[in-house]
Amino acid sequence: MLKLTIEGVHINLDGDLEKYANKKIGGLEKYVPKRARESAHAEVILKRVPSKDKNKFCCEITLHLPHEILNCKETTQHLYAAIDVASAKARHQLQKYKDEHGTPRLYRRLFDRRSRQTQE
């Protein structure tokens, strides 16, 4: 399970909002490489940003992984939308991280299969 810390700045975190953030951001665990899952943890900061027109909401996700720290931030007019977009950005960054720091076993197996097919 991904260790998750959720903080609210100028926002009261009710049960529904916290449950939604846990579901969306906790689901990023499947994109973290297996070796990094034990030491990985995420910090989520939800805040209200005053603007001229209306209040805007910001969701900032910081993922602490071995060898790297990933940040993503999104500001929208709805807090739930900010959480959705920020989690999608974090998922994309985790895919890149996994490609760089993942184990090459999968690629070796694929390379072996192709080399066997060409030899036959």
C-alpha atoms as a PDB file:
ATOM      1  CA  MET A   1       0.000   0.000   0.000  1.00  0.00           C
ATOM      2  CA  LEU A   2       1.316   3.417  -0.972  1.00  0.00           C
ATOM      3  CA  LYS A   3       1.872   5.610   2.074  1.00  0.00           C
ATOM      4  CA  LEU A   4      -0.270   8.690   1.567  1.00  0.00           C
ATOM      5  CA  THR A   5      -0.436  12.009   3.414  1.00  0.00           C
ATOM      6  CA  ILE A   6      -3.273  14.405   2.572  1.00  0.00           C
ATOM      7  CA  GLU A   7      -3.253  18.003   3.781  1.00  0.00           C
ATOM      8  CA  GLY A   8      -5.798  20.746   3.244  1.00  0.00           C
ATOM      9  CA  VAL A   9      -4.884  24.442   3.098  1.00  0.00           C
ATOM     10  CA  HIS A  10      -7.885  26.752   3.530  1.00  0.00           C
ATOM     11  CA  ILE A  11     -10.105  23.698   2.990  1.00  0.00           C
ATOM     12  CA  ASN A  12     -11.925  21.441   5.421  1.00  0.00           C
ATOM     13  CA  LEU A  13     -11.199  17.856   4.454  1.00  0.00           C
ATOM     14  CA  ASP A  14     -14.433  15.937   4.853  1.00  0.00           C
ATOM     15  CA  GLY A  15     -14.721  12.165   4.619  1.00  0.00           C
ATOM     16  CA  ASP A  16     -15.880  12.096   0.997  1.00  0.00           C
ATOM     17  CA  LEU A  17     -13.048  14.270  -0.264  1.00  0.00           C
ATOM     18  CA  GLU A  18     -10.417  12.318   1.622  1.00  0.00           C
ATOM     19  CA  LYS A  19     -11.849   9.005   0.424  1.00  0.00           C
ATOM     20  CA  TYR A  20     -11.860  10.257  -3.196  1.00  0.00           C
ATOM     21  CA  ALA A  21      -8.240  11.400  -2.985  1.00  0.00           C
ATOM     22  CA  ASN A  22      -7.223   8.083  -1.414  1.00  0.00           C
ATOM     23  CA  LYS A  23      -8.923   6.180  -4.217  1.00  0.00           C
ATOM     24  CA  LYS A  24      -7.444   8.239  -7.070  1.00  0.00           C
ATOM     25  CA  ILE A  25      -3.924   8.742  -5.763  1.00  0.00           C
ATOM     26  CA  GLY A  26      -3.690   5.414  -3.960  1.00  0.00           C
ATOM     27  CA  GLY A  27      -4.406   3.764  -7.306  1.00  0.00           C
ATOM     28  CA  LEU A  28      -1.060   5.037  -8.571  1.00  0.00           C
ATOM     29  CA  GLU A  29       0.630   2.258  -6.609  1.00  0.00           C
ATOM     30  CA  LYS A  30       0.264  -0.182  -9.490  1.00  0.00           C
ATOM     31  CA  TYR A  31       2.473   2.070 -11.639  1.00  0.00           C
ATOM     32  CA  VAL A  32       5.313   2.148  -9.096  1.00  0.00           C
ATOM     33  CA  PRO A  33       7.998  -0.517  -9.707  1.00  0.00           C
ATOM     34  CA  LYS A  34       7.830  -3.421  -7.234  1.00  0.00           C
ATOM     35  CA  ARG A  35      11.246  -2.702  -5.744  1.00  0.00           C
ATOM     36  CA  ALA A  36      10.301   0.901  -5.005  1.00  0.00           C
ATOM     37  CA  ARG A  37       6.909   0.222  -3.373  1.00  0.00           C
ATOM     38  CA  GLU A  38       8.280  -0.300   0.128  1.00  0.00           C
ATOM     39  CA  SER A  39       9.984   3.080   0.358  1.00  0.00           C
ATOM     40  CA  ALA A  40       7.612   5.111  -1.834  1.00  0.00           C
ATOM     41  CA  HIS A  41       5.250   7.631  -0.296  1.00  0.00           C
ATOM     42  CA  ALA A  42       3.051  10.435  -1.587  1.00  0.00           C
ATOM     43  CA  GLU A  43       2.150  13.843  -0.202  1.00  0.00           C
ATOM     44  CA  VAL A  44      -1.019  15.512  -1.425  1.00  0.00           C
ATOM     45  CA  ILE A  45      -1.741  19.178  -0.748  1.00  0.00           C
ATOM     46  CA  LEU A  46      -5.230  20.430  -1.540  1.00  0.00           C
ATOM     47  CA  LYS A  47      -5.672  24.174  -1.320  1.00  0.00           C
ATOM     48  CA  ARG A  48      -8.014  26.983  -2.242  1.00  0.00           C
ATOM     49  CA  VAL A  49      -6.391  29.695  -4.361  1.00  0.00           C
ATOM     50  CA  PRO A  50      -8.231  33.033  -4.346  1.00  0.00           C
ATOM     51  CA  SER A  51      -8.454  34.717  -7.743  1.00  0.00           C
ATOM     52  CA  LYS A  52     -10.244  37.710  -9.268  1.00  0.00           C
ATOM     53  CA  ASP A  53     -13.126  35.763 -10.830  1.00  0.00           C
ATOM     54  CA  LYS A  54     -13.828  32.863  -8.494  1.00  0.00           C
ATOM     55  CA  ASN A  55     -12.050  30.648  -6.069  1.00  0.00           C
ATOM     56  CA  LYS A  56      -9.855  28.081  -7.736  1.00  0.00           C
ATOM     57  CA  PHE A  57      -8.614  24.864  -6.232  1.00  0.00           C
ATOM     58  CA  CYS A  58      -5.138  23.420  -6.499  1.00  0.00           C
ATOM     59  CA  CYS A  59      -3.991  19.826  -6.078  1.00  0.00           C
ATOM     60  CA  GLU A  60      -0.272  19.252  -5.693  1.00  0.00           C
ATOM     61  CA  ILE A  61       1.109  15.703  -5.600  1.00  0.00           C
ATOM     62  CA  THR A  62       4.672  14.924  -4.554  1.00  0.00           C
ATOM     63  CA  LEU A  63       5.845  11.329  -4.974  1.00  0.00           C
ATOM     64  CA  HIS A  64       9.000  10.362  -3.108  1.00  0.00           C
ATOM     65  CA  LEU A  65      10.628   7.430  -4.898  1.00  0.00           C
ATOM     66  CA  PRO A  66      14.137   5.980  -4.796  1.00  0.00           C
ATOM     67  CA  HIS A  67      16.483   8.057  -6.970  1.00  0.00           C
ATOM     68  CA  GLU A  68      13.855  10.686  -7.787  1.00  0.00           C
ATOM     69  CA  ILE A  69      11.078  12.962  -6.528  1.00  0.00           C
ATOM     70  CA  LEU A  70       8.132  13.530  -8.866  1.00  0.00           C
ATOM     71  CA  ASN A  71       5.934  16.641  -8.618  1.00  0.00           C
ATOM     72  CA  CYS A  72       2.742  17.534 -10.390  1.00  0.00           C
ATOM     73  CA  LYS A  73       0.382  20.413  -9.788  1.00  0.00           C
ATOM     74  CA  GLU A  74      -2.997  21.294 -11.245  1.00  0.00           C
ATOM     75  CA  THR A  75      -5.333  24.244 -10.668  1.00  0.00           C
ATOM     76  CA  THR A  76      -8.984  24.179 -11.745  1.00  0.00           C
ATOM     77  CA  GLN A  77     -12.338  25.546 -10.630  1.00  0.00           C
ATOM     78  CA  HIS A  78     -13.409  22.226  -9.100  1.00  0.00           C
ATOM     79  CA  LEU A  79     -11.377  20.346  -6.511  1.00  0.00           C
ATOM     80  CA  TYR A  80     -12.370  16.891  -7.737  1.00  0.00           C
ATOM     81  CA  ALA A  81     -11.299  17.800 -11.287  1.00  0.00           C
ATOM     82  CA  ALA A  82      -7.949  19.042  -9.974  1.00  0.00           C
ATOM     83  CA  ILE A  83      -7.408  15.694  -8.236  1.00  0.00           C
ATOM     84  CA  ASP A  84      -8.296  13.797 -11.435  1.00  0.00           C
ATOM     85  CA  VAL A  85      -5.954  15.773 -13.686  1.00  0.00           C
ATOM     86  CA  ALA A  86      -3.087  15.780 -11.181  1.00  0.00           C
ATOM     87  CA  SER A  87      -3.339  12.003 -10.723  1.00  0.00           C
ATOM     88  CA  ALA A  88      -3.279  11.538 -14.525  1.00  0.00           C
ATOM     89  CA  LYS A  89      -0.129  13.670 -14.727  1.00  0.00           C
ATOM     90  CA  ALA A  90       1.454  11.680 -11.903  1.00  0.00           C
ATOM     91  CA  ARG A  91       0.588   8.416 -13.667  1.00  0.00           C
ATOM     92  CA  HIS A  92       2.314   9.649 -16.826  1.00  0.00           C
ATOM     93  CA  GLN A  93       5.413  10.648 -14.854  1.00  0.00           C
ATOM     94  CA  LEU A  94       5.438   7.251 -13.124  1.00  0.00           C
ATOM     95  CA  GLN A  95       5.361   5.507 -16.503  1.00  0.00           C
ATOM     96  CA  LYS A  96       8.496   7.419 -17.511  1.00  0.00           C
ATOM     97  CA  TYR A  97      10.123   6.649 -14.155  1.00  0.00           C
ATOM     98  CA  LYS A  98       9.333   2.963 -14.541  1.00  0.00           C
ATOM     99  CA  ASP A  99      10.846   2.915 -18.025  1.00  0.00           C
ATOM    100  CA  GLU A 100      14.061   4.496 -16.749  1.00  0.00           C
ATOM    101  CA  HIS A 101      14.456   2.644 -13.452  1.00  0.00           C
ATOM    102  CA  GLY A 102      12.557  -0.596 -14.082  1.00  0.00           C
ATOM    103  CA  THR A 103      14.187  -3.984 -14.359  1.00  0.00           C
ATOM    104  CA  PRO A 104      15.312  -5.014 -17.840  1.00  0.00           C
ATOM    105  CA  ARG A 105      14.002  -8.592 -17.424  1.00  0.00           C
ATOM    106  CA  LEU A 106      10.928  -7.933 -19.518  1.00  0.00           C
ATOM    107  CA  TYR A 107      13.012  -6.540 -22.343  1.00  0.00           C
ATOM    108  CA  ARG A 108      15.378  -9.498 -22.152  1.00  0.00           C
ATOM    109  CA  ARG A 109      12.488 -11.951 -22.461  1.00  0.00           C
ATOM    110  CA  LEU A 110      11.049 -10.089 -25.428  1.00  0.00           C
ATOM    111  CA  PHE A 111      14.468  -9.917 -27.087  1.00  0.00           C
ATOM    112  CA  ASP A 112      14.997 -13.656 -26.522  1.00  0.00           C
ATOM    113  CA  ARG A 113      11.641 -14.488 -28.104  1.00  0.00           C
ATOM    114  CA  ARG A 114      12.384 -12.435 -31.174  1.00  0.00           C
ATOM    115  CA  SER A 115      15.864 -13.857 -31.568  1.00  0.00           C
ATOM    116  CA  ARG A 116      14.448 -17.421 -31.349  1.00  0.00           C
ATOM    117  CA  GLN A 117      11.846 -16.643 -33.997  1.00  0.00           C
ATOM    118  CA  THR A 118      14.417 -15.278 -36.413  1.00  0.00           C
ATOM    119  CA  GLN A 119      16.696 -18.314 -35.922  1.00  0.00           C
ATOM    120  CA  GLU A 120      13.946 -20.790 -36.818  1.00  0.00           C
END
